[in-house]
């Protein structure tokens, strides 16, 4: 079965250099699953934290499924537990302890189950960001020229 991209952290590739990625399940409530399948949600400013041998996704926003009839006491930015193997959690914990590395969610996708793609990343400097934008613009310009030749 094909996996469908539901929510993406578009700024992550601009802000960070991705070193390693993991796939993790996520604990959700029923309305949250429906909202994500409707492609509602945001990963901006979210991160992964390991506490007590368990990984949590903090800062992800999932709005109520029915805005006109929300569940009482629903918190759209609550921390959500990630379902990962102990060895993967240990790798995330060791990456957190190293200077300059952090863990962020890259995307949420539907592969029979709702999953989160988690990455160990290193922050980019201004120079690296500018170089990436120049490469992106050059590729876009080259594609435009090739398209107009046809």
C-alpha atoms as a PDB file:
ATOM      1  CA  UNK A   1       0.000   0.000   0.000  1.00  0.00           C
ATOM      2  CA  UNK A   2       1.257   3.481  -0.847  1.00  0.00           C
ATOM      3  CA  UNK A   3       1.894   5.965   1.912  1.00  0.00           C
ATOM      4  CA  UNK A   4       0.169   9.343   1.675  1.00  0.00           C
ATOM      5  CA  UNK A   5       1.831  12.476   2.987  1.00  0.00           C
ATOM      6  CA  UNK A   6      -0.518  14.207   5.427  1.00  0.00           C
ATOM      7  CA  UNK A   7       1.531  16.990   7.064  1.00  0.00           C
ATOM      8  CA  UNK A   8       5.057  18.137   6.233  1.00  0.00           C
ATOM      9  CA  UNK A   9       7.604  20.299   8.058  1.00  0.00           C
ATOM     10  CA  UNK A  10       8.665  22.298   5.000  1.00  0.00           C
ATOM     11  CA  UNK A  11      11.102  24.545   6.843  1.00  0.00           C
ATOM     12  CA  UNK A  12      13.052  21.636   8.331  1.00  0.00           C
ATOM     13  CA  UNK A  13      15.132  21.049   5.192  1.00  0.00           C
ATOM     14  CA  UNK A  14      15.956  24.753   5.009  1.00  0.00           C
ATOM     15  CA  UNK A  15      16.851  25.141   8.693  1.00  0.00           C
ATOM     16  CA  UNK A  16      18.576  21.814   9.324  1.00  0.00           C
ATOM     17  CA  UNK A  17      20.985  19.324   7.805  1.00  0.00           C
ATOM     18  CA  UNK A  18      19.333  15.889   8.123  1.00  0.00           C
ATOM     19  CA  UNK A  19      21.737  13.239   9.443  1.00  0.00           C
ATOM     20  CA  UNK A  20      19.492  10.239  10.169  1.00  0.00           C
ATOM     21  CA  UNK A  21      15.774   9.453   9.922  1.00  0.00           C
ATOM     22  CA  UNK A  22      13.443   7.107  11.802  1.00  0.00           C
ATOM     23  CA  UNK A  23       9.822   6.103  11.400  1.00  0.00           C
ATOM     24  CA  UNK A  24       7.614   6.107  14.492  1.00  0.00           C
ATOM     25  CA  UNK A  25       3.998   5.461  15.322  1.00  0.00           C
ATOM     26  CA  UNK A  26       2.094   8.114  17.233  1.00  0.00           C
ATOM     27  CA  UNK A  27      -0.636   7.907  19.891  1.00  0.00           C
ATOM     28  CA  UNK A  28      -3.653   9.894  18.720  1.00  0.00           C
ATOM     29  CA  UNK A  29      -7.291  10.353  19.684  1.00  0.00           C
ATOM     30  CA  UNK A  30     -10.061   9.615  17.183  1.00  0.00           C
ATOM     31  CA  UNK A  31     -10.729  13.220  16.210  1.00  0.00           C
ATOM     32  CA  UNK A  32      -7.007  13.831  15.718  1.00  0.00           C
ATOM     33  CA  UNK A  33      -6.784  10.956  13.236  1.00  0.00           C
ATOM     34  CA  UNK A  34      -9.704  12.365  11.262  1.00  0.00           C
ATOM     35  CA  UNK A  35      -8.187  15.858  11.264  1.00  0.00           C
ATOM     36  CA  UNK A  36      -4.812  14.533  10.058  1.00  0.00           C
ATOM     37  CA  UNK A  37      -6.416  12.475   7.297  1.00  0.00           C
ATOM     38  CA  UNK A  38      -8.043  15.718   6.202  1.00  0.00           C
ATOM     39  CA  UNK A  39      -4.500  17.177   6.052  1.00  0.00           C
ATOM     40  CA  UNK A  40      -5.083  19.592   8.923  1.00  0.00           C
ATOM     41  CA  UNK A  41      -2.190  20.127  11.288  1.00  0.00           C
ATOM     42  CA  UNK A  42       1.185  21.797  11.594  1.00  0.00           C
ATOM     43  CA  UNK A  43       4.694  20.655  12.510  1.00  0.00           C
ATOM     44  CA  UNK A  44       6.173  24.176  12.676  1.00  0.00           C
ATOM     45  CA  UNK A  45       8.145  24.627  15.871  1.00  0.00           C
ATOM     46  CA  UNK A  46       7.684  21.028  17.001  1.00  0.00           C
ATOM     47  CA  UNK A  47      10.428  18.824  18.393  1.00  0.00           C
ATOM     48  CA  UNK A  48      11.046  15.385  19.899  1.00  0.00           C
ATOM     49  CA  UNK A  49      11.917  14.973  23.586  1.00  0.00           C
ATOM     50  CA  UNK A  50      12.955  11.753  25.340  1.00  0.00           C
ATOM     51  CA  UNK A  51      11.724  11.464  28.947  1.00  0.00           C
ATOM     52  CA  UNK A  52      11.850   8.384  31.116  1.00  0.00           C
ATOM     53  CA  UNK A  53      12.768   6.069  28.253  1.00  0.00           C
ATOM     54  CA  UNK A  54       9.857   7.247  26.091  1.00  0.00           C
ATOM     55  CA  UNK A  55       9.827   9.685  23.162  1.00  0.00           C
ATOM     56  CA  UNK A  56       7.264  12.501  22.943  1.00  0.00           C
ATOM     57  CA  UNK A  57       6.320  14.865  20.133  1.00  0.00           C
ATOM     58  CA  UNK A  58       5.948  18.383  21.544  1.00  0.00           C
ATOM     59  CA  UNK A  59       4.578  21.432  19.774  1.00  0.00           C
ATOM     60  CA  UNK A  60       2.643  19.744  16.961  1.00  0.00           C
ATOM     61  CA  UNK A  61      -0.702  21.424  16.377  1.00  0.00           C
ATOM     62  CA  UNK A  62      -3.724  19.354  15.370  1.00  0.00           C
ATOM     63  CA  UNK A  63      -6.908  21.441  15.277  1.00  0.00           C
ATOM     64  CA  UNK A  64     -10.223  19.902  16.352  1.00  0.00           C
ATOM     65  CA  UNK A  65     -11.856  17.792  13.647  1.00  0.00           C
ATOM     66  CA  UNK A  66     -15.099  19.767  13.867  1.00  0.00           C
ATOM     67  CA  UNK A  67     -14.288  23.376  14.657  1.00  0.00           C
ATOM     68  CA  UNK A  68     -17.968  24.127  15.289  1.00  0.00           C
ATOM     69  CA  UNK A  69     -18.309  21.220  17.748  1.00  0.00           C
ATOM     70  CA  UNK A  70     -14.946  20.648  19.503  1.00  0.00           C
ATOM     71  CA  UNK A  71     -14.403  18.076  22.239  1.00  0.00           C
ATOM     72  CA  UNK A  72     -14.474  19.705  25.693  1.00  0.00           C
ATOM     73  CA  UNK A  73     -11.018  20.119  27.166  1.00  0.00           C
ATOM     74  CA  UNK A  74      -9.243  19.336  23.893  1.00  0.00           C
ATOM     75  CA  UNK A  75      -5.696  20.753  23.711  1.00  0.00           C
ATOM     76  CA  UNK A  76      -4.477  21.025  20.079  1.00  0.00           C
ATOM     77  CA  UNK A  77      -0.820  21.302  21.179  1.00  0.00           C
ATOM     78  CA  UNK A  78      -0.664  18.529  23.759  1.00  0.00           C
ATOM     79  CA  UNK A  79       2.421  16.312  23.856  1.00  0.00           C
ATOM     80  CA  UNK A  80       1.913  13.028  22.010  1.00  0.00           C
ATOM     81  CA  UNK A  81       3.759   9.785  22.729  1.00  0.00           C
ATOM     82  CA  UNK A  82       5.789   8.254  19.906  1.00  0.00           C
ATOM     83  CA  UNK A  83       5.835   4.486  19.483  1.00  0.00           C
ATOM     84  CA  UNK A  84       9.425   3.427  18.794  1.00  0.00           C
ATOM     85  CA  UNK A  85      11.789   0.575  19.590  1.00  0.00           C
ATOM     86  CA  UNK A  86      13.984   0.965  22.659  1.00  0.00           C
ATOM     87  CA  UNK A  87      17.114   0.928  20.488  1.00  0.00           C
ATOM     88  CA  UNK A  88      15.764   3.813  18.364  1.00  0.00           C
ATOM     89  CA  UNK A  89      14.850   5.790  21.484  1.00  0.00           C
ATOM     90  CA  UNK A  90      18.391   5.203  22.800  1.00  0.00           C
ATOM     91  CA  UNK A  91      19.804   6.618  19.538  1.00  0.00           C
ATOM     92  CA  UNK A  92      17.589   9.695  19.850  1.00  0.00           C
ATOM     93  CA  UNK A  93      18.692  10.146  23.459  1.00  0.00           C
ATOM     94  CA  UNK A  94      22.377   9.914  22.531  1.00  0.00           C
ATOM     95  CA  UNK A  95      21.834  12.425  19.703  1.00  0.00           C
ATOM     96  CA  UNK A  96      20.141  14.823  22.142  1.00  0.00           C
ATOM     97  CA  UNK A  97      23.161  14.683  24.444  1.00  0.00           C
ATOM     98  CA  UNK A  98      25.621  15.582  21.645  1.00  0.00           C
ATOM     99  CA  UNK A  99      26.265  19.274  21.138  1.00  0.00           C
ATOM    100  CA  UNK A 100      24.660  20.803  18.061  1.00  0.00           C
ATOM    101  CA  UNK A 101      22.267  17.912  17.358  1.00  0.00           C
ATOM    102  CA  UNK A 102      18.531  17.842  17.902  1.00  0.00           C
ATOM    103  CA  UNK A 103      15.572  15.711  16.852  1.00  0.00           C
ATOM    104  CA  UNK A 104      12.638  17.083  14.877  1.00  0.00           C
ATOM    105  CA  UNK A 105       9.646  15.615  13.039  1.00  0.00           C
ATOM    106  CA  UNK A 106       9.922  15.890   9.254  1.00  0.00           C
ATOM    107  CA  UNK A 107       6.539  14.571   8.115  1.00  0.00           C
ATOM    108  CA  UNK A 108       3.357  12.787   9.154  1.00  0.00           C
ATOM    109  CA  UNK A 109       2.138  10.159   6.718  1.00  0.00           C
ATOM    110  CA  UNK A 110      -0.514   7.473   6.426  1.00  0.00           C
ATOM    111  CA  UNK A 111       0.798   3.959   5.810  1.00  0.00           C
ATOM    112  CA  UNK A 112      -2.212   1.935   7.031  1.00  0.00           C
ATOM    113  CA  UNK A 113      -1.316   3.541  10.374  1.00  0.00           C
ATOM    114  CA  UNK A 114      -0.504   7.196  10.984  1.00  0.00           C
ATOM    115  CA  UNK A 115       3.281   7.500  11.310  1.00  0.00           C
ATOM    116  CA  UNK A 116       5.788  10.283  11.929  1.00  0.00           C
ATOM    117  CA  UNK A 117       9.133  10.578  10.191  1.00  0.00           C
ATOM    118  CA  UNK A 118      11.644  11.714  12.828  1.00  0.00           C
ATOM    119  CA  UNK A 119      15.111  13.032  11.993  1.00  0.00           C
ATOM    120  CA  UNK A 120      18.313  13.691  13.886  1.00  0.00           C
ATOM    121  CA  UNK A 121      19.481  17.060  12.555  1.00  0.00           C
ATOM    122  CA  UNK A 122      22.188  19.685  12.845  1.00  0.00           C
ATOM    123  CA  UNK A 123      21.346  23.367  12.449  1.00  0.00           C
ATOM    124  CA  UNK A 124      22.563  25.191   9.335  1.00  0.00           C
ATOM    125  CA  UNK A 125      24.295  28.533   9.378  1.00  0.00           C
ATOM    126  CA  UNK A 126      23.231  31.531   7.282  1.00  0.00           C
ATOM    127  CA  UNK A 127      25.864  30.764   4.649  1.00  0.00           C
ATOM    128  CA  UNK A 128      24.601  27.190   4.167  1.00  0.00           C
ATOM    129  CA  UNK A 129      21.010  28.400   3.899  1.00  0.00           C
ATOM    130  CA  UNK A 130      21.963  30.959   1.237  1.00  0.00           C
ATOM    131  CA  UNK A 131      23.852  28.320  -0.769  1.00  0.00           C
ATOM    132  CA  UNK A 132      20.849  25.990  -0.674  1.00  0.00           C
ATOM    133  CA  UNK A 133      18.542  28.780  -1.882  1.00  0.00           C
ATOM    134  CA  UNK A 134      20.969  29.616  -4.731  1.00  0.00           C
ATOM    135  CA  UNK A 135      21.047  25.956  -5.814  1.00  0.00           C
ATOM    136  CA  UNK A 136      17.250  25.799  -5.684  1.00  0.00           C
ATOM    137  CA  UNK A 137      16.905  28.975  -7.793  1.00  0.00           C
ATOM    138  CA  UNK A 138      19.481  27.726 -10.330  1.00  0.00           C
ATOM    139  CA  UNK A 139      17.635  24.412 -10.687  1.00  0.00           C
ATOM    140  CA  UNK A 140      14.309  26.210 -11.117  1.00  0.00           C
ATOM    141  CA  UNK A 141      15.813  28.475 -13.805  1.00  0.00           C
ATOM    142  CA  UNK A 142      17.360  25.501 -15.641  1.00  0.00           C
ATOM    143  CA  UNK A 143      14.023  23.652 -15.569  1.00  0.00           C
ATOM    144  CA  UNK A 144      12.261  26.755 -16.927  1.00  0.00           C
ATOM    145  CA  UNK A 145      14.752  27.088 -19.819  1.00  0.00           C
ATOM    146  CA  UNK A 146      14.412  23.399 -20.714  1.00  0.00           C
ATOM    147  CA  UNK A 147      10.634  23.627 -20.601  1.00  0.00           C
ATOM    148  CA  UNK A 148      10.578  26.653 -22.944  1.00  0.00           C
ATOM    149  CA  UNK A 149      12.838  24.892 -25.514  1.00  0.00           C
ATOM    150  CA  UNK A 150      10.230  22.234 -26.178  1.00  0.00           C
END
